[in-house]
Amino acid sequence: MKLQEFEKKTHRGNKLINDKLHFFSSKSSVIISFILFKLNFSANQVTFLFGLAGILSANLFLHKQFIIGYLLWRLHIIIDMADGNIARASKKFNIFAPSIDKIAII
């Protein structure tokens, strides 16, 4: 599958609102999710990465590593969007995904 086809398969119903809310992340999340998809990551595995990036980012902020913490936090947001892209592209949805996402945000 090529990037253009992958991008079409990731289309979401609220794409316009989401793109305005996450103008930077929405563009890069498709590329990141495409790379992870090509590496055979499942949406659940990407959700795990999302949580891990958030924890690491918070830890860096606590230790006053603000620049690296901020960059990892941005990556955290991009990866959050990537798990949904992979789920939509692969048509493999987890009924617990919304709950897992909320837990990973905390």
N, C-alpha and C. Protein backbone atom coordinates (compact mmCIF):
# COMPACT_ATOMS: atom_id res chain seq x y z
N MET A 1 0.84 -1.17 0.00
CA MET A 1 0.00 0.00 0.00
C MET A 1 0.90 1.24 0.00
N LYS A 2 0.53 2.21 -0.79
CA LYS A 2 1.28 3.46 -0.88
C LYS A 2 0.69 4.48 0.09
N LEU A 3 1.46 5.53 0.35
CA LEU A 3 1.05 6.55 1.31
C LEU A 3 -0.28 7.19 0.94
N GLN A 4 -0.51 7.48 -0.32
CA GLN A 4 -1.76 8.13 -0.74
C GLN A 4 -2.97 7.22 -0.45
N GLU A 5 -2.83 5.94 -0.72
CA GLU A 5 -3.92 5.00 -0.45
C GLU A 5 -4.14 4.88 1.06
N PHE A 6 -3.05 4.80 1.81
CA PHE A 6 -3.14 4.72 3.26
C PHE A 6 -3.87 5.95 3.81
N GLU A 7 -3.50 7.13 3.31
CA GLU A 7 -4.12 8.37 3.77
C GLU A 7 -5.63 8.38 3.50
N LYS A 8 -6.06 7.86 2.36
CA LYS A 8 -7.49 7.79 2.05
C LYS A 8 -8.20 6.86 3.03
N LYS A 9 -7.55 5.76 3.40
CA LYS A 9 -8.17 4.79 4.31
C LYS A 9 -8.24 5.31 5.75
N THR A 10 -7.46 6.32 6.07
CA THR A 10 -7.45 6.85 7.44
C THR A 10 -8.47 7.97 7.63
N HIS A 11 -9.21 8.30 6.60
CA HIS A 11 -10.16 9.41 6.68
C HIS A 11 -11.14 9.21 7.83
N ARG A 12 -11.35 10.25 8.61
CA ARG A 12 -12.27 10.19 9.74
C ARG A 12 -13.41 11.15 9.51
N GLY A 13 -14.53 10.90 10.14
CA GLY A 13 -15.73 11.71 9.96
C GLY A 13 -15.55 13.16 10.35
N ASN A 14 -14.77 13.42 11.39
CA ASN A 14 -14.58 14.79 11.86
C ASN A 14 -13.22 15.35 11.45
N LYS A 15 -12.78 14.98 10.26
CA LYS A 15 -11.44 15.34 9.78
C LYS A 15 -11.20 16.86 9.79
N LEU A 16 -12.13 17.64 9.33
CA LEU A 16 -11.93 19.09 9.26
C LEU A 16 -11.74 19.70 10.64
N ILE A 17 -12.58 19.30 11.58
CA ILE A 17 -12.46 19.82 12.95
C ILE A 17 -11.14 19.36 13.57
N ASN A 18 -10.83 18.09 13.39
CA ASN A 18 -9.61 17.53 13.97
C ASN A 18 -8.36 18.19 13.37
N ASP A 19 -8.37 18.44 12.07
CA ASP A 19 -7.23 19.08 11.42
C ASP A 19 -7.02 20.51 11.92
N LYS A 20 -8.11 21.22 12.20
CA LYS A 20 -7.98 22.57 12.75
C LYS A 20 -7.45 22.53 14.17
N LEU A 21 -7.92 21.57 14.94
CA LEU A 21 -7.50 21.45 16.33
C LEU A 21 -6.03 21.03 16.43
N HIS A 22 -5.62 20.12 15.56
CA HIS A 22 -4.26 19.59 15.59
C HIS A 22 -3.57 19.85 14.24
N PHE A 23 -3.44 21.11 13.87
CA PHE A 23 -2.93 21.45 12.53
C PHE A 23 -1.55 20.89 12.27
N PHE A 24 -0.65 20.89 13.23
CA PHE A 24 0.69 20.34 13.03
C PHE A 24 0.67 18.81 13.09
N SER A 25 0.01 18.29 14.09
CA SER A 25 0.02 16.84 14.33
C SER A 25 -0.74 16.06 13.26
N SER A 26 -1.80 16.61 12.73
CA SER A 26 -2.62 15.87 11.76
C SER A 26 -1.83 15.54 10.49
N LYS A 27 -0.97 16.44 10.07
CA LYS A 27 -0.16 16.19 8.86
C LYS A 27 0.90 15.13 9.12
N SER A 28 1.61 15.29 10.20
CA SER A 28 2.71 14.36 10.48
C SER A 28 2.22 13.01 11.00
N SER A 29 1.03 12.96 11.59
CA SER A 29 0.54 11.68 12.13
C SER A 29 0.29 10.66 11.02
N VAL A 30 -0.12 11.12 9.85
CA VAL A 30 -0.34 10.19 8.74
C VAL A 30 0.98 9.56 8.32
N ILE A 31 2.02 10.35 8.25
CA ILE A 31 3.33 9.83 7.85
C ILE A 31 3.86 8.87 8.91
N ILE A 32 3.79 9.26 10.18
CA ILE A 32 4.26 8.40 11.26
C ILE A 32 3.45 7.11 11.31
N SER A 33 2.14 7.22 11.19
CA SER A 33 1.31 6.01 11.24
C SER A 33 1.57 5.12 10.03
N PHE A 34 1.84 5.71 8.88
CA PHE A 34 2.16 4.91 7.70
C PHE A 34 3.46 4.12 7.93
N ILE A 35 4.47 4.77 8.50
CA ILE A 35 5.74 4.09 8.79
C ILE A 35 5.51 2.96 9.78
N LEU A 36 4.77 3.23 10.86
CA LEU A 36 4.49 2.20 11.85
C LEU A 36 3.66 1.06 11.25
N PHE A 37 2.71 1.40 10.38
CA PHE A 37 1.90 0.39 9.69
C PHE A 37 2.78 -0.51 8.82
N LYS A 38 3.71 0.10 8.10
CA LYS A 38 4.63 -0.67 7.25
C LYS A 38 5.54 -1.56 8.09
N LEU A 39 5.81 -1.16 9.33
CA LEU A 39 6.63 -1.96 10.24
C LEU A 39 5.79 -3.00 11.00
N ASN A 40 4.52 -3.16 10.57
CA ASN A 40 3.58 -4.14 11.12
C ASN A 40 3.18 -3.88 12.57
N PHE A 41 3.16 -2.62 12.98
CA PHE A 41 2.65 -2.28 14.30
C PHE A 41 1.13 -2.32 14.25
N SER A 42 0.51 -2.89 15.27
CA SER A 42 -0.94 -2.85 15.38
C SER A 42 -1.34 -1.54 16.05
N ALA A 43 -2.62 -1.21 15.96
CA ALA A 43 -3.10 0.01 16.62
C ALA A 43 -2.88 -0.08 18.14
N ASN A 44 -3.04 -1.28 18.71
CA ASN A 44 -2.83 -1.45 20.15
C ASN A 44 -1.37 -1.22 20.53
N GLN A 45 -0.45 -1.68 19.70
CA GLN A 45 0.96 -1.46 19.99
C GLN A 45 1.31 0.03 19.90
N VAL A 46 0.70 0.71 18.96
CA VAL A 46 0.94 2.15 18.83
C VAL A 46 0.34 2.90 20.02
N THR A 47 -0.80 2.43 20.53
CA THR A 47 -1.38 3.03 21.72
C THR A 47 -0.43 2.88 22.91
N PHE A 48 0.23 1.74 23.01
CA PHE A 48 1.22 1.54 24.06
C PHE A 48 2.36 2.55 23.92
N LEU A 49 2.84 2.76 22.68
CA LEU A 49 3.89 3.76 22.44
C LEU A 49 3.41 5.16 22.84
N PHE A 50 2.16 5.44 22.55
CA PHE A 50 1.54 6.72 22.91
C PHE A 50 1.62 6.94 24.42
N GLY A 51 1.22 5.95 25.19
CA GLY A 51 1.29 6.06 26.65
C GLY A 51 2.71 6.20 27.15
N LEU A 52 3.60 5.41 26.58
CA LEU A 52 5.01 5.46 26.98
C LEU A 52 5.62 6.83 26.70
N ALA A 53 5.33 7.38 25.54
CA ALA A 53 5.85 8.71 25.19
C ALA A 53 5.32 9.77 26.16
N GLY A 54 4.07 9.65 26.55
CA GLY A 54 3.49 10.59 27.50
C GLY A 54 4.14 10.51 28.87
N ILE A 55 4.38 9.29 29.34
CA ILE A 55 5.03 9.09 30.64
C ILE A 55 6.46 9.64 30.61
N LEU A 56 7.18 9.32 29.54
CA LEU A 56 8.55 9.82 29.43
C LEU A 56 8.59 11.34 29.35
N SER A 57 7.65 11.92 28.63
CA SER A 57 7.58 13.37 28.50
C SER A 57 7.32 14.01 29.86
N ALA A 58 6.36 13.48 30.60
CA ALA A 58 6.06 14.02 31.92
C ALA A 58 7.27 13.91 32.84
N ASN A 59 7.96 12.79 32.76
CA ASN A 59 9.14 12.59 33.59
C ASN A 59 10.23 13.62 33.25
N LEU A 60 10.40 13.90 31.98
CA LEU A 60 11.39 14.90 31.57
C LEU A 60 11.02 16.29 32.07
N PHE A 61 9.73 16.63 32.03
CA PHE A 61 9.30 17.92 32.56
C PHE A 61 9.57 18.00 34.06
N LEU A 62 9.32 16.91 34.77
CA LEU A 62 9.58 16.90 36.22
C LEU A 62 11.06 17.11 36.54
N HIS A 63 11.91 16.65 35.62
CA HIS A 63 13.35 16.80 35.82
C HIS A 63 13.93 18.01 35.08
N LYS A 64 13.04 18.94 34.76
CA LYS A 64 13.40 20.23 34.16
C LYS A 64 14.14 20.11 32.82
N GLN A 65 13.82 19.07 32.08
CA GLN A 65 14.34 18.89 30.72
C GLN A 65 13.24 19.32 29.76
N PHE A 66 12.96 20.63 29.75
CA PHE A 66 11.77 21.15 29.09
C PHE A 66 11.77 21.00 27.57
N ILE A 67 12.87 21.21 26.92
CA ILE A 67 12.90 21.14 25.46
C ILE A 67 12.68 19.69 24.99
N ILE A 68 13.41 18.76 25.55
CA ILE A 68 13.24 17.36 25.17
C ILE A 68 11.85 16.88 25.60
N GLY A 69 11.40 17.31 26.78
CA GLY A 69 10.06 16.95 27.25
C GLY A 69 8.98 17.46 26.32
N TYR A 70 9.14 18.70 25.84
CA TYR A 70 8.16 19.27 24.91
C TYR A 70 8.14 18.50 23.59
N LEU A 71 9.33 18.20 23.07
CA LEU A 71 9.40 17.45 21.80
C LEU A 71 8.77 16.07 21.94
N LEU A 72 9.00 15.42 23.07
CA LEU A 72 8.42 14.10 23.30
C LEU A 72 6.90 14.21 23.50
N TRP A 73 6.45 15.31 24.11
CA TRP A 73 5.02 15.54 24.27
C TRP A 73 4.35 15.72 22.91
N ARG A 74 5.02 16.47 22.01
CA ARG A 74 4.47 16.61 20.65
C ARG A 74 4.40 15.26 19.95
N LEU A 75 5.44 14.45 20.10
CA LEU A 75 5.44 13.10 19.53
C LEU A 75 4.31 12.27 20.14
N HIS A 76 4.07 12.46 21.42
CA HIS A 76 2.97 11.78 22.13
C HIS A 76 1.63 12.07 21.44
N ILE A 77 1.40 13.32 21.09
CA ILE A 77 0.15 13.71 20.43
C ILE A 77 0.07 13.09 19.03
N ILE A 78 1.17 13.11 18.31
CA ILE A 78 1.20 12.53 16.96
C ILE A 78 0.92 11.04 17.02
N ILE A 79 1.54 10.36 17.97
CA ILE A 79 1.33 8.91 18.10
C ILE A 79 -0.11 8.62 18.52
N ASP A 80 -0.71 9.50 19.32
CA ASP A 80 -2.11 9.33 19.71
C ASP A 80 -3.00 9.30 18.47
N MET A 81 -2.71 10.14 17.52
CA MET A 81 -3.50 10.17 16.29
C MET A 81 -3.16 8.97 15.39
N ALA A 82 -1.92 8.49 15.47
CA ALA A 82 -1.47 7.39 14.61
C ALA A 82 -2.19 6.09 14.91
N ASP A 83 -2.52 5.82 16.18
CA ASP A 83 -3.18 4.56 16.47
C ASP A 83 -4.55 4.47 15.80
N GLY A 84 -5.27 5.58 15.78
CA GLY A 84 -6.56 5.60 15.08
C GLY A 84 -6.40 5.45 13.58
N ASN A 85 -5.37 6.08 13.03
CA ASN A 85 -5.11 5.94 11.59
C ASN A 85 -4.85 4.49 11.22
N ILE A 86 -4.06 3.82 12.02
CA ILE A 86 -3.75 2.41 11.73
C ILE A 86 -5.00 1.55 11.87
N ALA A 87 -5.81 1.81 12.89
CA ALA A 87 -7.05 1.06 13.07
C ALA A 87 -7.99 1.24 11.88
N ARG A 88 -8.14 2.49 11.42
CA ARG A 88 -9.02 2.74 10.27
C ARG A 88 -8.48 2.12 8.99
N ALA A 89 -7.16 2.23 8.78
CA ALA A 89 -6.56 1.69 7.55
C ALA A 89 -6.61 0.17 7.52
N SER A 90 -6.42 -0.47 8.68
CA SER A 90 -6.39 -1.94 8.72
C SER A 90 -7.77 -2.53 8.98
N LYS A 91 -8.73 -1.69 9.33
CA LYS A 91 -10.09 -2.12 9.68
C LYS A 91 -10.09 -3.07 10.88
N LYS A 92 -9.11 -2.89 11.76
CA LYS A 92 -9.01 -3.70 12.99
C LYS A 92 -9.20 -2.77 14.17
N PHE A 93 -10.42 -2.82 14.71
CA PHE A 93 -10.78 -1.93 15.80
C PHE A 93 -10.88 -2.71 17.11
N ASN A 94 -10.44 -2.10 18.17
CA ASN A 94 -10.53 -2.67 19.50
C ASN A 94 -11.66 -1.94 20.22
N ILE A 95 -12.64 -2.69 20.74
CA ILE A 95 -13.78 -2.03 21.39
C ILE A 95 -13.35 -1.27 22.65
N PHE A 96 -12.20 -1.61 23.20
CA PHE A 96 -11.70 -0.94 24.39
C PHE A 96 -10.80 0.26 24.07
N ALA A 97 -10.56 0.52 22.80
CA ALA A 97 -9.62 1.59 22.40
C ALA A 97 -9.94 2.94 23.02
N PRO A 98 -11.20 3.41 23.01
CA PRO A 98 -11.47 4.71 23.63
C PRO A 98 -11.09 4.75 25.12
N SER A 99 -11.36 3.67 25.82
CA SER A 99 -10.99 3.62 27.24
C SER A 99 -9.49 3.57 27.44
N ILE A 100 -8.82 2.79 26.64
CA ILE A 100 -7.35 2.68 26.74
C ILE A 100 -6.71 4.04 26.43
N ASP A 101 -7.23 4.74 25.44
CA ASP A 101 -6.72 6.07 25.09
C ASP A 101 -6.85 7.02 26.28
N LYS A 102 -7.99 6.98 26.94
CA LYS A 102 -8.22 7.87 28.09
C LYS A 102 -7.26 7.53 29.23
N ILE A 103 -6.99 6.26 29.44
CA ILE A 103 -6.06 5.85 30.49
C ILE A 103 -4.65 6.31 30.12
N ALA A 104 -4.28 6.17 28.86
CA ALA A 104 -2.93 6.55 28.41
C ALA A 104 -2.71 8.05 28.47
N ILE A 105 -3.77 8.84 28.38
CA ILE A 105 -3.64 10.30 28.46
C ILE A 105 -3.29 10.71 29.89
N ILE A 106 -3.82 9.99 30.85
CA ILE A 106 -3.56 10.32 32.25
C ILE A 106 -2.18 10.01 32.57
